Amino acid sequence: MSKVDQLNELLHRELASAINKELEFPEVFVTVTYVSCMPDLQYAKVIVSVLPDKMAGTALKKLKAASGRIVSGITKRTRLRKVPRLLWEFDPTERKAAVLEDIFLKINEEEEEDITF
């Protein structure tokens, strides 16, 4: 496993822990889906899922505002001398899954209507 992969895993664990313990998101569930550090280790893309997804903008703003505090905590809890700059992004997978589920439900309903006639 490369150093970048190891750093990705470490950051994933630490960010998930920090979000759960240090930040408050009333009525919002935030999960770290994926972390990917750039090869030069200057930046780390952090993909988060947010439920309900209509609160994604608010959650991302809060995460961006708390980045300094989160990085400071990671630096204290780990032996990392320098933590990459965090670039937060929303994971739209849940939104896409909901759209697909609606489509499948409509298809199923149409098929049931065709069978009854």
PDB file of N, CA and C in Angstrom:
ATOM      1  N   MET A   1       0.854  -1.184   0.000  1.00  0.00           N
ATOM      2  CA  MET A   1       0.000   0.000   0.000  1.00  0.00           C
ATOM      3  C   MET A   1       0.893   1.238   0.000  1.00  0.00           C
ATOM      4  N   SER A   2       0.608   2.179  -0.888  1.00  0.00           N
ATOM      5  CA  SER A   2       1.437   3.372  -1.013  1.00  0.00           C
ATOM      6  C   SER A   2       1.177   4.340   0.151  1.00  0.00           C
ATOM      7  N   LYS A   3       2.079   5.298   0.273  1.00  0.00           N
ATOM      8  CA  LYS A   3       1.916   6.296   1.335  1.00  0.00           C
ATOM      9  C   LYS A   3       0.653   7.134   1.122  1.00  0.00           C
ATOM     10  N   VAL A   4       0.343   7.415  -0.131  1.00  0.00           N
ATOM     11  CA  VAL A   4      -0.867   8.194  -0.418  1.00  0.00           C
ATOM     12  C   VAL A   4      -2.100   7.399   0.008  1.00  0.00           C
ATOM     13  N   ASP A   5      -2.131   6.101  -0.284  1.00  0.00           N
ATOM     14  CA  ASP A   5      -3.258   5.264   0.128  1.00  0.00           C
ATOM     15  C   ASP A   5      -3.380   5.210   1.649  1.00  0.00           C
ATOM     16  N   GLN A   6      -2.251   5.084   2.318  1.00  0.00           N
ATOM     17  CA  GLN A   6      -2.266   5.062   3.784  1.00  0.00           C
ATOM     18  C   GLN A   6      -2.786   6.382   4.342  1.00  0.00           C
ATOM     19  N   LEU A   7      -2.355   7.492   3.740  1.00  0.00           N
ATOM     20  CA  LEU A   7      -2.818   8.802   4.187  1.00  0.00           C
ATOM     21  C   LEU A   7      -4.314   8.960   3.922  1.00  0.00           C
ATOM     22  N   ASN A   8      -4.787   8.473   2.775  1.00  0.00           N
ATOM     23  CA  ASN A   8      -6.222   8.527   2.463  1.00  0.00           C
ATOM     24  C   ASN A   8      -7.032   7.805   3.534  1.00  0.00           C
ATOM     25  N   GLU A   9      -6.598   6.618   3.915  1.00  0.00           N
ATOM     26  CA  GLU A   9      -7.310   5.849   4.946  1.00  0.00           C
ATOM     27  C   GLU A   9      -7.279   6.551   6.294  1.00  0.00           C
ATOM     28  N   LEU A  10      -6.101   7.053   6.669  1.00  0.00           N
ATOM     29  CA  LEU A  10      -5.971   7.753   7.949  1.00  0.00           C
ATOM     30  C   LEU A  10      -6.878   8.986   7.982  1.00  0.00           C
ATOM     31  N   LEU A  11      -6.840   9.776   6.926  1.00  0.00           N
ATOM     32  CA  LEU A  11      -7.683  10.971   6.880  1.00  0.00           C
ATOM     33  C   LEU A  11      -9.160  10.611   6.888  1.00  0.00           C
ATOM     34  N   HIS A  12      -9.526   9.555   6.191  1.00  0.00           N
ATOM     35  CA  HIS A  12     -10.927   9.119   6.172  1.00  0.00           C
ATOM     36  C   HIS A  12     -11.408   8.831   7.592  1.00  0.00           C
ATOM     37  N   ARG A  13     -10.625   8.043   8.328  1.00  0.00           N
ATOM     38  CA  ARG A  13     -10.996   7.705   9.717  1.00  0.00           C
ATOM     39  C   ARG A  13     -11.045   8.949  10.598  1.00  0.00           C
ATOM     40  N   GLU A  14     -10.018   9.775  10.510  1.00  0.00           N
ATOM     41  CA  GLU A  14      -9.928  10.947  11.377  1.00  0.00           C
ATOM     42  C   GLU A  14     -11.017  11.974  11.063  1.00  0.00           C
ATOM     43  N   LEU A  15     -11.300  12.178   9.777  1.00  0.00           N
ATOM     44  CA  LEU A  15     -12.338  13.133   9.406  1.00  0.00           C
ATOM     45  C   LEU A  15     -13.716  12.649   9.840  1.00  0.00           C
ATOM     46  N   ALA A  16     -13.983  11.370   9.654  1.00  0.00           N
ATOM     47  CA  ALA A  16     -15.273  10.812  10.091  1.00  0.00           C
ATOM     48  C   ALA A  16     -15.437  10.989  11.600  1.00  0.00           C
ATOM     49  N   SER A  17     -14.377  10.717  12.337  1.00  0.00           N
ATOM     50  CA  SER A  17     -14.426  10.870  13.786  1.00  0.00           C
ATOM     51  C   SER A  17     -14.625  12.334  14.182  1.00  0.00           C
ATOM     52  N   ALA A  18     -13.900  13.216  13.542  1.00  0.00           N
ATOM     53  CA  ALA A  18     -14.001  14.643  13.867  1.00  0.00           C
ATOM     54  C   ALA A  18     -15.401  15.179  13.568  1.00  0.00           C
ATOM     55  N   ILE A  19     -15.972  14.780  12.442  1.00  0.00           N
ATOM     56  CA  ILE A  19     -17.310  15.256  12.083  1.00  0.00           C
ATOM     57  C   ILE A  19     -18.331  14.780  13.106  1.00  0.00           C
ATOM     58  N   ASN A  20     -18.206  13.534  13.541  1.00  0.00           N
ATOM     59  CA  ASN A  20     -19.161  12.998  14.518  1.00  0.00           C
ATOM     60  C   ASN A  20     -19.005  13.608  15.901  1.00  0.00           C
ATOM     61  N   LYS A  21     -17.767  13.861  16.320  1.00  0.00           N
ATOM     62  CA  LYS A  21     -17.524  14.299  17.690  1.00  0.00           C
ATOM     63  C   LYS A  21     -17.460  15.812  17.872  1.00  0.00           C
ATOM     64  N   GLU A  22     -16.939  16.520  16.878  1.00  0.00           N
ATOM     65  CA  GLU A  22     -16.643  17.936  17.076  1.00  0.00           C
ATOM     66  C   GLU A  22     -17.644  18.898  16.437  1.00  0.00           C
ATOM     67  N   LEU A  23     -18.385  18.430  15.456  1.00  0.00           N
ATOM     68  CA  LEU A  23     -19.321  19.317  14.765  1.00  0.00           C
ATOM     69  C   LEU A  23     -20.754  18.899  15.046  1.00  0.00           C
ATOM     70  N   GLU A  24     -21.613  19.873  15.118  1.00  0.00           N
ATOM     71  CA  GLU A  24     -23.032  19.586  15.343  1.00  0.00           C
ATOM     72  C   GLU A  24     -23.809  19.886  14.070  1.00  0.00           C
ATOM     73  N   PHE A  25     -24.526  18.892  13.612  1.00  0.00           N
ATOM     74  CA  PHE A  25     -25.402  19.037  12.458  1.00  0.00           C
ATOM     75  C   PHE A  25     -26.801  18.613  12.885  1.00  0.00           C
ATOM     76  N   PRO A  26     -27.612  19.562  13.379  1.00  0.00           N
ATOM     77  CA  PRO A  26     -28.953  19.188  13.817  1.00  0.00           C
ATOM     78  C   PRO A  26     -29.801  18.697  12.643  1.00  0.00           C
ATOM     79  N   GLU A  27     -30.394  17.540  12.829  1.00  0.00           N
ATOM     80  CA  GLU A  27     -31.293  16.926  11.853  1.00  0.00           C
ATOM     81  C   GLU A  27     -30.625  16.642  10.506  1.00  0.00           C
ATOM     82  N   VAL A  28     -29.293  16.544  10.497  1.00  0.00           N
ATOM     83  CA  VAL A  28     -28.556  16.244   9.273  1.00  0.00           C
ATOM     84  C   VAL A  28     -27.557  15.146   9.591  1.00  0.00           C
ATOM     85  N   PHE A  29     -27.441  14.181   8.685  1.00  0.00           N
ATOM     86  CA  PHE A  29     -26.497  13.085   8.844  1.00  0.00           C
ATOM     87  C   PHE A  29     -25.405  13.241   7.792  1.00  0.00           C
ATOM     88  N   VAL A  30     -24.162  13.460   8.237  1.00  0.00           N
ATOM     89  CA  VAL A  30     -23.026  13.675   7.335  1.00  0.00           C
ATOM     90  C   VAL A  30     -22.077  12.491   7.449  1.00  0.00           C
ATOM     91  N   THR A  31     -21.714  11.925   6.299  1.00  0.00           N
ATOM     92  CA  THR A  31     -20.820  10.776   6.258  1.00  0.00           C
ATOM     93  C   THR A  31     -19.685  11.041   5.281  1.00  0.00           C
ATOM     94  N   VAL A  32     -18.469  10.728   5.691  1.00  0.00           N
ATOM     95  CA  VAL A  32     -17.331  10.822   4.772  1.00  0.00           C
ATOM     96  C   VAL A  32     -17.369   9.595   3.881  1.00  0.00           C
ATOM     97  N   THR A  33     -17.555   9.822   2.592  1.00  0.00           N
ATOM     98  CA  THR A  33     -17.669   8.731   1.634  1.00  0.00           C
ATOM     99  C   THR A  33     -16.310   8.320   1.098  1.00  0.00           C
ATOM    100  N   TYR A  34     -15.466   9.304   0.826  1.00  0.00           N
ATOM    101  CA  TYR A  34     -14.224   9.028   0.117  1.00  0.00           C
ATOM    102  C   TYR A  34     -13.230  10.145   0.380  1.00  0.00           C
ATOM    103  N   VAL A  35     -11.956   9.792   0.505  1.00  0.00           N
ATOM    104  CA  VAL A  35     -10.881  10.775   0.628  1.00  0.00           C
ATOM    105  C   VAL A  35      -9.810  10.422  -0.395  1.00  0.00           C
ATOM    106  N   SER A  36      -9.370  11.428  -1.128  1.00  0.00           N
ATOM    107  CA  SER A  36      -8.342  11.206  -2.138  1.00  0.00           C
ATOM    108  C   SER A  36      -7.326  12.336  -2.088  1.00  0.00           C
ATOM    109  N   CYS A  37      -6.111  12.009  -1.639  1.00  0.00           N
ATOM    110  CA  CYS A  37      -5.041  12.996  -1.591  1.00  0.00           C
ATOM    111  C   CYS A  37      -4.381  13.104  -2.959  1.00  0.00           C
ATOM    112  N   MET A  38      -3.978  14.314  -3.299  1.00  0.00           N
ATOM    113  CA  MET A  38      -3.235  14.517  -4.530  1.00  0.00           C
ATOM    114  C   MET A  38      -1.839  13.922  -4.336  1.00  0.00           C
ATOM    115  N   PRO A  39      -1.189  13.493  -5.400  1.00  0.00           N
ATOM    116  CA  PRO A  39       0.136  12.866  -5.266  1.00  0.00           C
ATOM    117  C   PRO A  39       1.179  13.739  -4.555  1.00  0.00           C
ATOM    118  N   ASP A  40       1.055  15.074  -4.678  1.00  0.00           N
ATOM    119  CA  ASP A  40       2.011  15.960  -3.992  1.00  0.00           C
ATOM    120  C   ASP A  40       1.635  16.196  -2.529  1.00  0.00           C
ATOM    121  N   LEU A  41       0.518  15.622  -2.088  1.00  0.00           N
ATOM    122  CA  LEU A  41       0.020  15.696  -0.704  1.00  0.00           C
ATOM    123  C   LEU A  41      -0.316  17.113  -0.241  1.00  0.00           C
ATOM    124  N   GLN A  42      -0.503  18.027  -1.188  1.00  0.00           N
ATOM    125  CA  GLN A  42      -0.873  19.395  -0.838  1.00  0.00           C
ATOM    126  C   GLN A  42      -2.372  19.523  -0.572  1.00  0.00           C
ATOM    127  N   TYR A  43      -3.168  18.733  -1.290  1.00  0.00           N
ATOM    128  CA  TYR A  43      -4.619  18.808  -1.188  1.00  0.00           C
ATOM    129  C   TYR A  43      -5.214  17.419  -1.004  1.00  0.00           C
ATOM    130  N   ALA A  44      -6.345  17.386  -0.337  1.00  0.00           N
ATOM    131  CA  ALA A  44      -7.107  16.146  -0.197  1.00  0.00           C
ATOM    132  C   ALA A  44      -8.558  16.449  -0.526  1.00  0.00           C
ATOM    133  N   LYS A  45      -9.101  15.725  -1.496  1.00  0.00           N
ATOM    134  CA  LYS A  45     -10.508  15.874  -1.847  1.00  0.00           C
ATOM    135  C   LYS A  45     -11.305  14.986  -0.893  1.00  0.00           C
ATOM    136  N   VAL A  46     -12.247  15.584  -0.196  1.00  0.00           N
ATOM    137  CA  VAL A  46     -13.070  14.864   0.775  1.00  0.00           C
ATOM    138  C   VAL A  46     -14.507  14.869   0.256  1.00  0.00           C
ATOM    139  N   ILE A  47     -15.010  13.685  -0.077  1.00  0.00           N
ATOM    140  CA  ILE A  47     -16.366  13.552  -0.586  1.00  0.00           C
ATOM    141  C   ILE A  47     -17.266  13.141   0.578  1.00  0.00           C
ATOM    142  N   VAL A  48     -18.337  13.910   0.793  1.00  0.00           N
ATOM    143  CA  VAL A  48     -19.263  13.614   1.885  1.00  0.00           C
ATOM    144  C   VAL A  48     -20.679  13.431   1.354  1.00  0.00           C
ATOM    145  N   SER A  49     -21.403  12.509   1.977  1.00  0.00           N
ATOM    146  CA  SER A  49     -22.828  12.385   1.684  1.00  0.00           C
ATOM    147  C   SER A  49     -23.584  13.065   2.811  1.00  0.00           C
ATOM    148  N   VAL A  50     -24.696  13.676   2.447  1.00  0.00           N
ATOM    149  CA  VAL A  50     -25.486  14.436   3.407  1.00  0.00           C
ATOM    150  C   VAL A  50     -26.945  14.015   3.260  1.00  0.00           C
ATOM    151  N   LEU A  51     -27.551  13.650   4.371  1.00  0.00           N
ATOM    152  CA  LEU A  51     -28.973  13.303   4.386  1.00  0.00           C
ATOM    153  C   LEU A  51     -29.687  14.192   5.382  1.00  0.00           C
ATOM    154  N   PRO A  52     -30.731  14.861   5.052  1.00  0.00           N
ATOM    155  CA  PRO A  52     -31.319  14.937   3.721  1.00  0.00           C
ATOM    156  C   PRO A  52     -30.425  15.748   2.798  1.00  0.00           C
ATOM    157  N   ASP A  53     -30.399  15.383   1.519  1.00  0.00           N
ATOM    158  CA  ASP A  53     -29.463  16.009   0.594  1.00  0.00           C
ATOM    159  C   ASP A  53     -29.772  17.471   0.299  1.00  0.00           C
ATOM    160  N   LYS A  54     -30.976  17.922   0.626  1.00  0.00           N
ATOM    161  CA  LYS A  54     -31.285  19.342   0.424  1.00  0.00           C
ATOM    162  C   LYS A  54     -30.485  20.230   1.386  1.00  0.00           C
ATOM    163  N   MET A  55     -29.898  19.626   2.407  1.00  0.00           N
ATOM    164  CA  MET A  55     -29.077  20.364   3.370  1.00  0.00           C
ATOM    165  C   MET A  55     -27.586  20.322   3.024  1.00  0.00           C
ATOM    166  N   ALA A  56     -27.253  19.806   1.846  1.00  0.00           N
ATOM    167  CA  ALA A  56     -25.852  19.640   1.455  1.00  0.00           C
ATOM    168  C   ALA A  56     -25.096  20.966   1.444  1.00  0.00           C
ATOM    169  N   GLY A  57     -25.706  22.010   0.902  1.00  0.00           N
ATOM    170  CA  GLY A  57     -25.038  23.309   0.846  1.00  0.00           C
ATOM    171  C   GLY A  57     -24.682  23.837   2.221  1.00  0.00           C
ATOM    172  N   THR A  58     -25.617  23.747   3.124  1.00  0.00           N
ATOM    173  CA  THR A  58     -25.391  24.206   4.497  1.00  0.00           C
ATOM    174  C   THR A  58     -24.299  23.383   5.170  1.00  0.00           C
ATOM    175  N   ALA A  59     -24.357  22.068   4.981  1.00  0.00           N
ATOM    176  CA  ALA A  59     -23.356  21.194   5.594  1.00  0.00           C
ATOM    177  C   ALA A  59     -21.967  21.478   5.036  1.00  0.00           C
ATOM    178  N   LEU A  60     -21.857  21.666   3.719  1.00  0.00           N
ATOM    179  CA  LEU A  60     -20.557  21.962   3.115  1.00  0.00           C
ATOM    180  C   LEU A  60     -19.992  23.288   3.619  1.00  0.00           C
ATOM    181  N   LYS A  61     -20.847  24.290   3.769  1.00  0.00           N
ATOM    182  CA  LYS A  61     -20.387  25.579   4.301  1.00  0.00           C
ATOM    183  C   LYS A  61     -19.828  25.402   5.708  1.00  0.00           C
ATOM    184  N   LYS A  62     -20.534  24.623   6.512  1.00  0.00           N
ATOM    185  CA  LYS A  62     -20.102  24.399   7.886  1.00  0.00           C
ATOM    186  C   LYS A  62     -18.782  23.623   7.924  1.00  0.00           C
ATOM    187  N   LEU A  63     -18.647  22.628   7.054  1.00  0.00           N
ATOM    188  CA  LEU A  63     -17.410  21.853   6.988  1.00  0.00           C
ATOM    189  C   LEU A  63     -16.238  22.720   6.541  1.00  0.00           C
ATOM    190  N   LYS A  64     -16.464  23.543   5.536  1.00  0.00           N
ATOM    191  CA  LYS A  64     -15.397  24.432   5.056  1.00  0.00           C
ATOM    192  C   LYS A  64     -14.975  25.416   6.142  1.00  0.00           C
ATOM    193  N   ALA A  65     -15.947  25.942   6.867  1.00  0.00           N
ATOM    194  CA  ALA A  65     -15.654  26.893   7.940  1.00  0.00           C
ATOM    195  C   ALA A  65     -14.872  26.244   9.076  1.00  0.00           C
ATOM    196  N   ALA A  66     -15.110  24.953   9.292  1.00  0.00           N
ATOM    197  CA  ALA A  66     -14.458  24.246  10.399  1.00  0.00           C
ATOM    198  C   ALA A  66     -13.172  23.529   9.974  1.00  0.00           C
ATOM    199  N   SER A  67     -12.765  23.668   8.727  1.00  0.00           N
ATOM    200  CA  SER A  67     -11.591  22.943   8.221  1.00  0.00           C
ATOM    201  C   SER A  67     -10.348  23.173   9.065  1.00  0.00           C
ATOM    202  N   GLY A  68     -10.081  24.418   9.420  1.00  0.00           N
ATOM    203  CA  GLY A  68      -8.889  24.726  10.218  1.00  0.00           C
ATOM    204  C   GLY A  68      -8.891  24.006  11.557  1.00  0.00           C
ATOM    205  N   ARG A  69     -10.033  24.022  12.211  1.00  0.00           N
ATOM    206  CA  ARG A  69     -10.169  23.359  13.505  1.00  0.00           C
ATOM    207  C   ARG A  69     -10.028  21.841  13.361  1.00  0.00           C
ATOM    208  N   ILE A  70     -10.609  21.295  12.289  1.00  0.00           N
ATOM    209  CA  ILE A  70     -10.527  19.854  12.042  1.00  0.00           C
ATOM    210  C   ILE A  70      -9.084  19.447  11.778  1.00  0.00           C
ATOM    211  N   VAL A  71      -8.382  20.208  10.940  1.00  0.00           N
ATOM    212  CA  VAL A  71      -6.982  19.910  10.617  1.00  0.00           C
ATOM    213  C   VAL A  71      -6.116  20.012  11.867  1.00  0.00           C
ATOM    214  N   SER A  72      -6.371  21.009  12.678  1.00  0.00           N
ATOM    215  CA  SER A  72      -5.613  21.170  13.925  1.00  0.00           C
ATOM    216  C   SER A  72      -5.787  19.950  14.823  1.00  0.00           C
ATOM    217  N   GLY A  73      -7.021  19.459  14.926  1.00  0.00           N
ATOM    218  CA  GLY A  73      -7.282  18.268  15.734  1.00  0.00           C
ATOM    219  C   GLY A  73      -6.598  17.038  15.178  1.00  0.00           C
ATOM    220  N   ILE A  74      -6.609  16.890  13.857  1.00  0.00           N
ATOM    221  CA  ILE A  74      -5.942  15.741  13.232  1.00  0.00           C
ATOM    222  C   ILE A  74      -4.443  15.798  13.484  1.00  0.00           C
ATOM    223  N   THR A  75      -3.875  17.000  13.396  1.00  0.00           N
ATOM    224  CA  THR A  75      -2.439  17.163  13.643  1.00  0.00           C
ATOM    225  C   THR A  75      -2.086  16.757  15.071  1.00  0.00           C
ATOM    226  N   LYS A  76      -2.944  17.096  16.024  1.00  0.00           N
ATOM    227  CA  LYS A  76      -2.689  16.755  17.425  1.00  0.00           C
ATOM    228  C   LYS A  76      -2.848  15.259  17.682  1.00  0.00           C
ATOM    229  N   ARG A  77      -3.832  14.613  17.028  1.00  0.00           N
ATOM    230  CA  ARG A  77      -4.109  13.198  17.284  1.00  0.00           C
ATOM    231  C   ARG A  77      -3.203  12.243  16.519  1.00  0.00           C
ATOM    232  N   THR A  78      -2.557  12.726  15.486  1.00  0.00           N
ATOM    233  CA  THR A  78      -1.716  11.852  14.665  1.00  0.00           C
ATOM    234  C   THR A  78      -0.284  12.374  14.673  1.00  0.00           C
ATOM    235  N   ARG A  79       0.573  11.664  13.980  1.00  0.00           N
ATOM    236  CA  ARG A  79       1.958  12.108  13.888  1.00  0.00           C
ATOM    237  C   ARG A  79       2.236  12.865  12.591  1.00  0.00           C
ATOM    238  N   LEU A  80       1.202  13.276  11.924  1.00  0.00           N
ATOM    239  CA  LEU A  80       1.396  14.004  10.678  1.00  0.00           C
ATOM    240  C   LEU A  80       1.959  15.389  10.959  1.00  0.00           C
ATOM    241  N   ARG A  81       3.007  15.733  10.245  1.00  0.00           N
ATOM    242  CA  ARG A  81       3.568  17.077  10.394  1.00  0.00           C
ATOM    243  C   ARG A  81       2.740  18.096   9.624  1.00  0.00           C
ATOM    244  N   LYS A  82       2.250  17.660   8.479  1.00  0.00           N
ATOM    245  CA  LYS A  82       1.456  18.560   7.647  1.00  0.00           C
ATOM    246  C   LYS A  82       0.252  17.795   7.106  1.00  0.00           C
ATOM    247  N   VAL A  83      -0.924  18.326   7.361  1.00  0.00           N
ATOM    248  CA  VAL A  83      -2.155  17.729   6.853  1.00  0.00           C
ATOM    249  C   VAL A  83      -2.510  18.448   5.557  1.00  0.00           C
ATOM    250  N   PRO A  84      -2.864  17.707   4.507  1.00  0.00           N
ATOM    251  CA  PRO A  84      -3.224  18.365   3.241  1.00  0.00           C
ATOM    252  C   PRO A  84      -4.408  19.315   3.418  1.00  0.00           C
ATOM    253  N   ARG A  85      -4.479  20.307   2.563  1.00  0.00           N
ATOM    254  CA  ARG A  85      -5.604  21.239   2.564  1.00  0.00           C
ATOM    255  C   ARG A  85      -6.848  20.473   2.111  1.00  0.00           C
ATOM    256  N   LEU A  86      -7.938  20.626   2.846  1.00  0.00           N
ATOM    257  CA  LEU A  86      -9.145  19.851   2.586  1.00  0.00           C
ATOM    258  C   LEU A  86     -10.052  20.559   1.585  1.00  0.00           C
ATOM    259  N   LEU A  87     -10.437  19.835   0.542  1.00  0.00           N
ATOM    260  CA  LEU A  87     -11.368  20.327  -0.460  1.00  0.00           C
ATOM    261  C   LEU A  87     -12.644  19.506  -0.336  1.00  0.00           C
ATOM    262  N   TRP A  88     -13.698  20.111   0.181  1.00  0.00           N
ATOM    263  CA  TRP A  88     -14.942  19.407   0.466  1.00  0.00           C
ATOM    264  C   TRP A  88     -15.845  19.378  -0.756  1.00  0.00           C
ATOM    265  N   GLU A  89     -16.440  18.210  -1.023  1.00  0.00           N
ATOM    266  CA  GLU A  89     -17.389  18.064  -2.121  1.00  0.00           C
ATOM    267  C   GLU A  89     -18.554  17.190  -1.678  1.00  0.00           C
ATOM    268  N   PHE A  90     -19.707  17.446  -2.273  1.00  0.00           N
ATOM    269  CA  PHE A  90     -20.920  16.689  -1.986  1.00  0.00           C
ATOM    270  C   PHE A  90     -20.970  15.446  -2.868  1.00  0.00           C
ATOM    271  N   ASP A  91     -21.349  14.318  -2.286  1.00  0.00           N
ATOM    272  CA  ASP A  91     -21.520  13.065  -3.021  1.00  0.00           C
ATOM    273  C   ASP A  91     -22.996  12.942  -3.418  1.00  0.00           C
ATOM    274  N   PRO A  92     -23.313  13.071  -4.703  1.00  0.00           N
ATOM    275  CA  PRO A  92     -24.716  13.052  -5.134  1.00  0.00           C
ATOM    276  C   PRO A  92     -25.289  11.649  -5.309  1.00  0.00           C
ATOM    277  N   THR A  93     -24.605  10.633  -4.879  1.00  0.00           N
ATOM    278  CA  THR A  93     -25.053   9.257  -5.088  1.00  0.00           C
ATOM    279  C   THR A  93     -26.445   9.015  -4.516  1.00  0.00           C
ATOM    280  N   GLU A  94     -26.705   9.495  -3.308  1.00  0.00           N
ATOM    281  CA  GLU A  94     -28.017   9.285  -2.680  1.00  0.00           C
ATOM    282  C   GLU A  94     -29.117   9.947  -3.497  1.00  0.00           C
ATOM    283  N   ARG A  95     -28.841  11.145  -3.999  1.00  0.00           N
ATOM    284  CA  ARG A  95     -29.827  11.869  -4.810  1.00  0.00           C
ATOM    285  C   ARG A  95     -30.113  11.090  -6.094  1.00  0.00           C
ATOM    286  N   LYS A  96     -29.063  10.609  -6.734  1.00  0.00           N
ATOM    287  CA  LYS A  96     -29.227   9.840  -7.974  1.00  0.00           C
ATOM    288  C   LYS A  96     -29.972   8.531  -7.699  1.00  0.00           C
ATOM    289  N   ALA A  97     -29.675   7.901  -6.584  1.00  0.00           N
ATOM    290  CA  ALA A  97     -30.359   6.649  -6.232  1.00  0.00           C
ATOM    291  C   ALA A  97     -31.857   6.893  -6.017  1.00  0.00           C
ATOM    292  N   ALA A  98     -32.205   8.001  -5.401  1.00  0.00           N
ATOM    293  CA  ALA A  98     -33.615   8.322  -5.167  1.00  0.00           C
ATOM    294  C   ALA A  98     -34.350   8.547  -6.492  1.00  0.00           C
ATOM    295  N   VAL A  99     -33.684   9.214  -7.429  1.00  0.00           N
ATOM    296  CA  VAL A  99     -34.297   9.437  -8.746  1.00  0.00           C
ATOM    297  C   VAL A  99     -34.517   8.108  -9.451  1.00  0.00           C
ATOM    298  N   LEU A 100     -33.505   7.243  -9.421  1.00  0.00           N
ATOM    299  CA  LEU A 100     -33.642   5.930 -10.048  1.00  0.00           C
ATOM    300  C   LEU A 100     -34.743   5.107  -9.391  1.00  0.00           C
ATOM    301  N   GLU A 101     -34.831   5.180  -8.080  1.00  0.00           N
ATOM    302  CA  GLU A 101     -35.869   4.440  -7.372  1.00  0.00           C
ATOM    303  C   GLU A 101     -37.261   4.908  -7.793  1.00  0.00           C
ATOM    304  N   ASP A 102     -37.424   6.218  -7.942  1.00  0.00           N
ATOM    305  CA  ASP A 102     -38.711   6.758  -8.408  1.00  0.00           C
ATOM    306  C   ASP A 102     -39.044   6.244  -9.808  1.00  0.00           C
ATOM    307  N   ILE A 103     -38.054   6.220 -10.678  1.00  0.00           N
ATOM    308  CA  ILE A 103     -38.271   5.722 -12.038  1.00  0.00           C
ATOM    309  C   ILE A 103     -38.707   4.264 -12.010  1.00  0.00           C
ATOM    310  N   PHE A 104     -38.016   3.450 -11.212  1.00  0.00           N
ATOM    311  CA  PHE A 104     -38.369   2.032 -11.118  1.00  0.00           C
ATOM    312  C   PHE A 104     -39.776   1.833 -10.553  1.00  0.00           C
ATOM    313  N   LEU A 105     -40.149   2.647  -9.575  1.00  0.00           N
ATOM    314  CA  LEU A 105     -41.498   2.548  -9.009  1.00  0.00           C
ATOM    315  C   LEU A 105     -42.555   2.887 -10.062  1.00  0.00           C
ATOM    316  N   LYS A 106     -42.313   3.911 -10.856  1.00  0.00           N
ATOM    317  CA  LYS A 106     -43.253   4.292 -11.911  1.00  0.00           C
ATOM    318  C   LYS A 106     -43.372   3.185 -12.958  1.00  0.00           C
ATOM    319  N   ILE A 107     -42.251   2.605 -13.344  1.00  0.00           N
ATOM    320  CA  ILE A 107     -42.272   1.504 -14.315  1.00  0.00           C
ATOM    321  C   ILE A 107     -43.070   0.329 -13.757  1.00  0.00           C
ATOM    322  N   ASN A 108     -42.834   0.015 -12.496  1.00  0.00           N
ATOM    323  CA  ASN A 108     -43.534  -1.091 -11.848  1.00  0.00           C
ATOM    324  C   ASN A 108     -45.038  -0.830 -11.805  1.00  0.00           C
ATOM    325  N   GLU A 109     -45.426   0.411 -11.476  1.00  0.00           N
ATOM    326  CA  GLU A 109     -46.846   0.761 -11.430  1.00  0.00           C
ATOM    327  C   GLU A 109     -47.480   0.652 -12.818  1.00  0.00           C
ATOM    328  N   GLU A 110     -46.769   1.098 -13.851  1.00  0.00           N
ATOM    329  CA  GLU A 110     -47.283   1.016 -15.219  1.00  0.00           C
ATOM    330  C   GLU A 110     -47.453  -0.432 -15.653  1.00  0.00           C
ATOM    331  N   GLU A 111     -46.495  -1.276 -15.278  1.00  0.00           N
ATOM    332  CA  GLU A 111     -46.594  -2.690 -15.632  1.00  0.00           C
ATOM    333  C   GLU A 111     -47.779  -3.334 -14.934  1.00  0.00           C
ATOM    334  N   GLU A 112     -48.018  -2.972 -13.676  1.00  0.00           N
ATOM    335  CA  GLU A 112     -49.160  -3.527 -12.938  1.00  0.00           C
ATOM    336  C   GLU A 112     -50.485  -3.073 -13.564  1.00  0.00           C
ATOM    337  N   GLU A 113     -50.550  -1.814 -14.035  1.00  0.00           N
ATOM    338  CA  GLU A 113     -51.743  -1.314 -14.696  1.00  0.00           C
ATOM    339  C   GLU A 113     -51.994  -2.073 -16.004  1.00  0.00           C
ATOM    340  N   ASP A 114     -50.920  -2.341 -16.747  1.00  0.00           N
ATOM    341  CA  ASP A 114     -51.060  -3.073 -18.015  1.00  0.00           C
ATOM    342  C   ASP A 114     -51.556  -4.495 -17.787  1.00  0.00           C
ATOM    343  N   ILE A 115     -51.152  -5.091 -16.692  1.00  0.00           N
ATOM    344  CA  ILE A 115     -51.547  -6.471 -16.390  1.00  0.00           C
ATOM    345  C   ILE A 115     -53.034  -6.532 -16.017  1.00  0.00           C
ATOM    346  N   THR A 116     -53.551  -5.535 -15.312  1.00  0.00           N
ATOM    347  CA  THR A 116     -54.941  -5.559 -14.852  1.00  0.00           C
ATOM    348  C   THR A 116     -55.945  -5.304 -15.974  1.00  0.00           C
ATOM    349  N   PHE A 117     -55.504  -4.723 -17.083  1.00  0.00           N
ATOM    350  CA  PHE A 117     -56.448  -4.458 -18.182  1.00  0.00           C
ATOM    351  C   PHE A 117     -56.475  -5.555 -19.156  1.00  0.00           C
TER     352      PHE A 117
END
